[in-house]
N, C-alpha and C. Protein backbone atom coordinates (compact mmCIF):
# COMPACT_ATOMS: atom_id res chain seq x y z
N MET A 1 91.96 121.90 104.68
CA MET A 1 91.95 120.65 105.42
C MET A 1 93.14 120.60 106.36
N SER A 2 92.96 119.99 107.48
CA SER A 2 94.01 119.88 108.46
C SER A 2 94.88 118.68 108.18
N SER A 3 96.16 118.79 108.58
CA SER A 3 97.06 117.66 108.40
C SER A 3 97.02 116.73 109.61
N GLY A 4 96.21 117.08 110.65
CA GLY A 4 96.08 116.22 111.80
C GLY A 4 95.34 114.94 111.44
N SER A 5 95.42 113.95 112.33
CA SER A 5 94.78 112.67 112.05
C SER A 5 93.26 112.83 112.03
N ASN A 6 92.67 112.33 110.97
CA ASN A 6 91.22 112.38 110.79
C ASN A 6 90.82 111.01 110.24
N PRO A 7 90.15 110.19 111.06
CA PRO A 7 89.82 108.83 110.61
C PRO A 7 89.09 108.77 109.28
N GLU A 8 88.18 109.69 109.03
CA GLU A 8 87.45 109.68 107.76
C GLU A 8 88.40 109.95 106.58
N ILE A 9 89.24 110.95 106.72
CA ILE A 9 90.20 111.27 105.66
C ILE A 9 91.18 110.11 105.49
N ASP A 10 91.63 109.53 106.60
CA ASP A 10 92.56 108.40 106.53
C ASP A 10 91.95 107.24 105.73
N ARG A 11 90.69 106.92 106.00
CA ARG A 11 90.02 105.83 105.27
C ARG A 11 89.86 106.19 103.79
N ARG A 12 89.50 107.45 103.53
CA ARG A 12 89.34 107.89 102.13
C ARG A 12 90.67 107.80 101.38
N LEU A 13 91.76 108.17 102.02
CA LEU A 13 93.07 108.09 101.37
C LEU A 13 93.44 106.64 101.09
N GLU A 14 93.22 105.76 102.05
CA GLU A 14 93.52 104.34 101.83
C GLU A 14 92.71 103.80 100.66
N GLN A 15 91.42 104.07 100.64
CA GLN A 15 90.57 103.57 99.57
C GLN A 15 90.95 104.20 98.23
N THR A 16 91.32 105.45 98.24
CA THR A 16 91.71 106.13 97.01
C THR A 16 92.99 105.51 96.45
N ILE A 17 93.95 105.19 97.30
CA ILE A 17 95.18 104.54 96.85
C ILE A 17 94.83 103.22 96.16
N ILE A 18 93.99 102.42 96.80
CA ILE A 18 93.58 101.13 96.22
C ILE A 18 92.86 101.36 94.90
N ASP A 19 91.92 102.30 94.88
CA ASP A 19 91.15 102.57 93.66
C ASP A 19 92.05 103.02 92.51
N LEU A 20 92.98 103.92 92.79
CA LEU A 20 93.88 104.41 91.75
C LEU A 20 94.74 103.28 91.19
N LEU A 21 95.23 102.42 92.07
CA LEU A 21 96.07 101.31 91.62
C LEU A 21 95.27 100.30 90.80
N GLU A 22 94.02 100.07 91.18
CA GLU A 22 93.19 99.11 90.46
C GLU A 22 92.88 99.58 89.04
N LYS A 23 92.93 100.89 88.81
CA LYS A 23 92.66 101.44 87.48
C LYS A 23 93.89 101.41 86.58
N ARG A 24 95.02 100.99 87.12
CA ARG A 24 96.26 100.96 86.36
C ARG A 24 96.74 99.53 86.19
N ALA A 25 97.70 99.37 85.31
CA ALA A 25 98.30 98.06 85.08
C ALA A 25 98.96 97.57 86.37
N LEU A 26 99.08 96.27 86.51
CA LEU A 26 99.68 95.67 87.70
C LEU A 26 101.09 96.21 87.96
N THR A 27 101.79 96.54 86.90
CA THR A 27 103.17 97.03 87.05
C THR A 27 103.26 98.53 87.31
N SER A 28 102.13 99.23 87.27
CA SER A 28 102.13 100.68 87.45
C SER A 28 102.23 101.07 88.92
N THR A 29 102.68 102.29 89.14
CA THR A 29 102.78 102.86 90.48
C THR A 29 102.04 104.19 90.51
N ILE A 30 101.78 104.65 91.72
CA ILE A 30 101.24 105.99 91.91
C ILE A 30 102.11 106.70 92.94
N CYS A 31 101.99 108.00 92.95
CA CYS A 31 102.65 108.84 93.94
C CYS A 31 101.65 109.12 95.06
N PRO A 32 102.10 109.24 96.29
CA PRO A 32 101.16 109.61 97.36
C PRO A 32 100.39 110.88 97.03
N SER A 33 101.00 111.77 96.25
CA SER A 33 100.31 113.01 95.89
C SER A 33 99.08 112.76 95.02
N ASP A 34 99.08 111.66 94.26
CA ASP A 34 97.90 111.33 93.45
C ASP A 34 96.68 111.13 94.34
N ALA A 35 96.86 110.40 95.43
CA ALA A 35 95.76 110.17 96.37
C ALA A 35 95.41 111.46 97.10
N ALA A 36 96.42 112.20 97.51
CA ALA A 36 96.17 113.46 98.22
C ALA A 36 95.39 114.42 97.34
N ARG A 37 95.74 114.50 96.06
CA ARG A 37 95.02 115.39 95.14
C ARG A 37 93.57 114.95 94.96
N ALA A 38 93.37 113.64 94.86
CA ALA A 38 92.01 113.12 94.65
C ALA A 38 91.11 113.40 95.85
N VAL A 39 91.67 113.37 97.04
CA VAL A 39 90.88 113.57 98.26
C VAL A 39 90.83 115.04 98.67
N GLY A 40 91.93 115.75 98.50
CA GLY A 40 92.03 117.09 99.05
C GLY A 40 91.80 118.24 98.10
N ASP A 41 91.63 117.96 96.81
CA ASP A 41 91.43 119.02 95.82
C ASP A 41 92.52 120.08 95.95
N ASP A 42 92.15 121.33 96.13
CA ASP A 42 93.14 122.42 96.20
C ASP A 42 94.01 122.36 97.46
N ASP A 43 93.54 121.66 98.48
CA ASP A 43 94.29 121.55 99.74
C ASP A 43 95.11 120.26 99.81
N TRP A 44 95.42 119.68 98.67
CA TRP A 44 96.07 118.37 98.65
C TRP A 44 97.42 118.35 99.36
N ARG A 45 98.15 119.45 99.32
CA ARG A 45 99.48 119.47 99.97
C ARG A 45 99.37 119.21 101.47
N ASP A 46 98.27 119.67 102.06
CA ASP A 46 98.06 119.44 103.49
C ASP A 46 97.87 117.96 103.81
N LEU A 47 97.57 117.15 102.80
CA LEU A 47 97.30 115.73 103.02
C LEU A 47 98.49 114.82 102.67
N MET A 48 99.62 115.39 102.32
CA MET A 48 100.75 114.56 101.91
C MET A 48 101.23 113.62 103.01
N ASP A 49 101.39 114.12 104.23
CA ASP A 49 101.81 113.24 105.32
C ASP A 49 100.76 112.17 105.58
N ALA A 50 99.50 112.56 105.54
CA ALA A 50 98.42 111.59 105.76
C ALA A 50 98.39 110.55 104.66
N SER A 51 98.70 110.96 103.44
CA SER A 51 98.71 110.01 102.31
C SER A 51 99.85 109.01 102.47
N ARG A 52 101.00 109.48 102.88
CA ARG A 52 102.13 108.57 103.12
C ARG A 52 101.79 107.61 104.26
N SER A 53 101.11 108.12 105.29
CA SER A 53 100.70 107.27 106.41
C SER A 53 99.68 106.23 105.96
N ALA A 54 98.77 106.63 105.09
CA ALA A 54 97.78 105.69 104.56
C ALA A 54 98.49 104.58 103.79
N ALA A 55 99.50 104.96 103.00
CA ALA A 55 100.28 103.96 102.27
C ALA A 55 100.98 103.01 103.24
N ALA A 56 101.51 103.54 104.32
CA ALA A 56 102.18 102.70 105.32
C ALA A 56 101.21 101.70 105.94
N ARG A 57 99.98 102.15 106.22
CA ARG A 57 98.98 101.22 106.78
C ARG A 57 98.64 100.13 105.77
N LEU A 58 98.56 100.49 104.50
CA LEU A 58 98.26 99.49 103.46
C LEU A 58 99.42 98.51 103.29
N VAL A 59 100.64 98.97 103.49
CA VAL A 59 101.80 98.07 103.48
C VAL A 59 101.65 97.06 104.62
N ALA A 60 101.32 97.56 105.81
CA ALA A 60 101.17 96.70 106.99
C ALA A 60 100.06 95.67 106.79
N GLN A 61 99.04 96.03 105.99
CA GLN A 61 97.94 95.11 105.71
C GLN A 61 98.24 94.16 104.56
N GLY A 62 99.41 94.32 103.95
CA GLY A 62 99.78 93.45 102.83
C GLY A 62 99.10 93.80 101.53
N GLU A 63 98.64 95.03 101.38
CA GLU A 63 97.93 95.45 100.17
C GLU A 63 98.86 96.03 99.11
N VAL A 64 99.86 96.79 99.54
CA VAL A 64 100.74 97.50 98.61
C VAL A 64 102.17 97.43 99.11
N GLU A 65 103.09 97.95 98.27
CA GLU A 65 104.46 98.13 98.73
C GLU A 65 104.94 99.50 98.27
N ILE A 66 105.92 100.00 98.99
CA ILE A 66 106.52 101.30 98.71
C ILE A 66 107.81 101.04 97.93
N THR A 67 108.03 101.85 96.88
CA THR A 67 109.24 101.67 96.09
C THR A 67 109.97 103.00 95.90
N GLN A 68 111.25 102.87 95.63
CA GLN A 68 112.09 103.95 95.16
C GLN A 68 112.99 103.34 94.10
N GLY A 69 113.06 103.98 92.97
CA GLY A 69 113.88 103.44 91.89
C GLY A 69 113.42 102.06 91.45
N GLY A 70 112.12 101.77 91.63
CA GLY A 70 111.56 100.50 91.21
C GLY A 70 111.79 99.35 92.19
N GLU A 71 112.48 99.61 93.28
CA GLU A 71 112.77 98.57 94.27
C GLU A 71 111.99 98.83 95.56
N PRO A 72 111.47 97.76 96.18
CA PRO A 72 110.76 97.93 97.45
C PRO A 72 111.67 98.52 98.52
N VAL A 73 111.11 99.45 99.30
CA VAL A 73 111.83 100.07 100.41
C VAL A 73 110.93 100.14 101.63
N ASP A 74 111.56 100.33 102.77
CA ASP A 74 110.85 100.53 104.02
C ASP A 74 110.53 102.02 104.13
N LEU A 75 109.27 102.36 104.23
CA LEU A 75 108.86 103.76 104.28
C LEU A 75 109.50 104.48 105.47
N ALA A 76 109.70 103.76 106.56
CA ALA A 76 110.27 104.38 107.75
C ALA A 76 111.68 104.91 107.51
N THR A 77 112.41 104.30 106.58
CA THR A 77 113.78 104.73 106.33
C THR A 77 113.94 105.40 104.96
N ALA A 78 112.90 105.41 104.16
CA ALA A 78 112.97 106.01 102.83
C ALA A 78 113.08 107.52 102.94
N ARG A 79 113.95 108.08 102.13
CA ARG A 79 114.10 109.53 102.07
C ARG A 79 113.83 109.97 100.64
N GLY A 80 113.07 111.03 100.50
CA GLY A 80 112.78 111.54 99.17
C GLY A 80 111.51 110.95 98.60
N PRO A 81 111.30 111.15 97.30
CA PRO A 81 110.07 110.70 96.65
C PRO A 81 109.91 109.18 96.69
N ILE A 82 108.69 108.76 96.91
CA ILE A 82 108.36 107.34 96.90
C ILE A 82 107.25 107.09 95.89
N ARG A 83 107.06 105.84 95.56
CA ARG A 83 105.96 105.39 94.71
C ARG A 83 105.25 104.27 95.46
N ILE A 84 104.00 104.04 95.11
CA ILE A 84 103.18 102.99 95.71
C ILE A 84 102.75 102.05 94.60
N ARG A 85 102.87 100.74 94.81
CA ARG A 85 102.39 99.78 93.83
C ARG A 85 101.75 98.60 94.54
N ARG A 86 100.93 97.90 93.77
CA ARG A 86 100.33 96.67 94.29
C ARG A 86 101.43 95.65 94.53
N LEU A 87 101.18 94.76 95.46
CA LEU A 87 102.14 93.68 95.69
C LEU A 87 102.21 92.82 94.44
N ARG A 88 103.39 92.38 94.14
CA ARG A 88 103.57 91.52 92.97
C ARG A 88 103.54 90.07 93.39
N PRO A 89 102.88 89.23 92.57
CA PRO A 89 102.79 87.81 92.93
C PRO A 89 104.15 87.12 92.90
C-alpha cells in the first residue's frame, strides 16, 4: 500500500479508529498503529502517517483527542508515541 493520500484508505482509517475505540472502555486508548494494522495487514507500517493524519482529522471533528502520558496534546507539536482516546465528558 502506498503512503500517499488515498481518500478510501483515509476514510477506512478514520472509521477503524472510531470502531476500535467503541469496543474499548471509555477510559481506554489506542495507538495509531492499531488502526494501521487493521486496515493495512502486512503493509501497516506504510499507513502510519495516514493513521496519524486520520486521528488529526477526528480531533478536528471533535471525535477524539490525542494524548501522551495520559494528557491531551496537540498532534502538530507532539513528538514520539501518541495515543488516541474518545473525548471525555
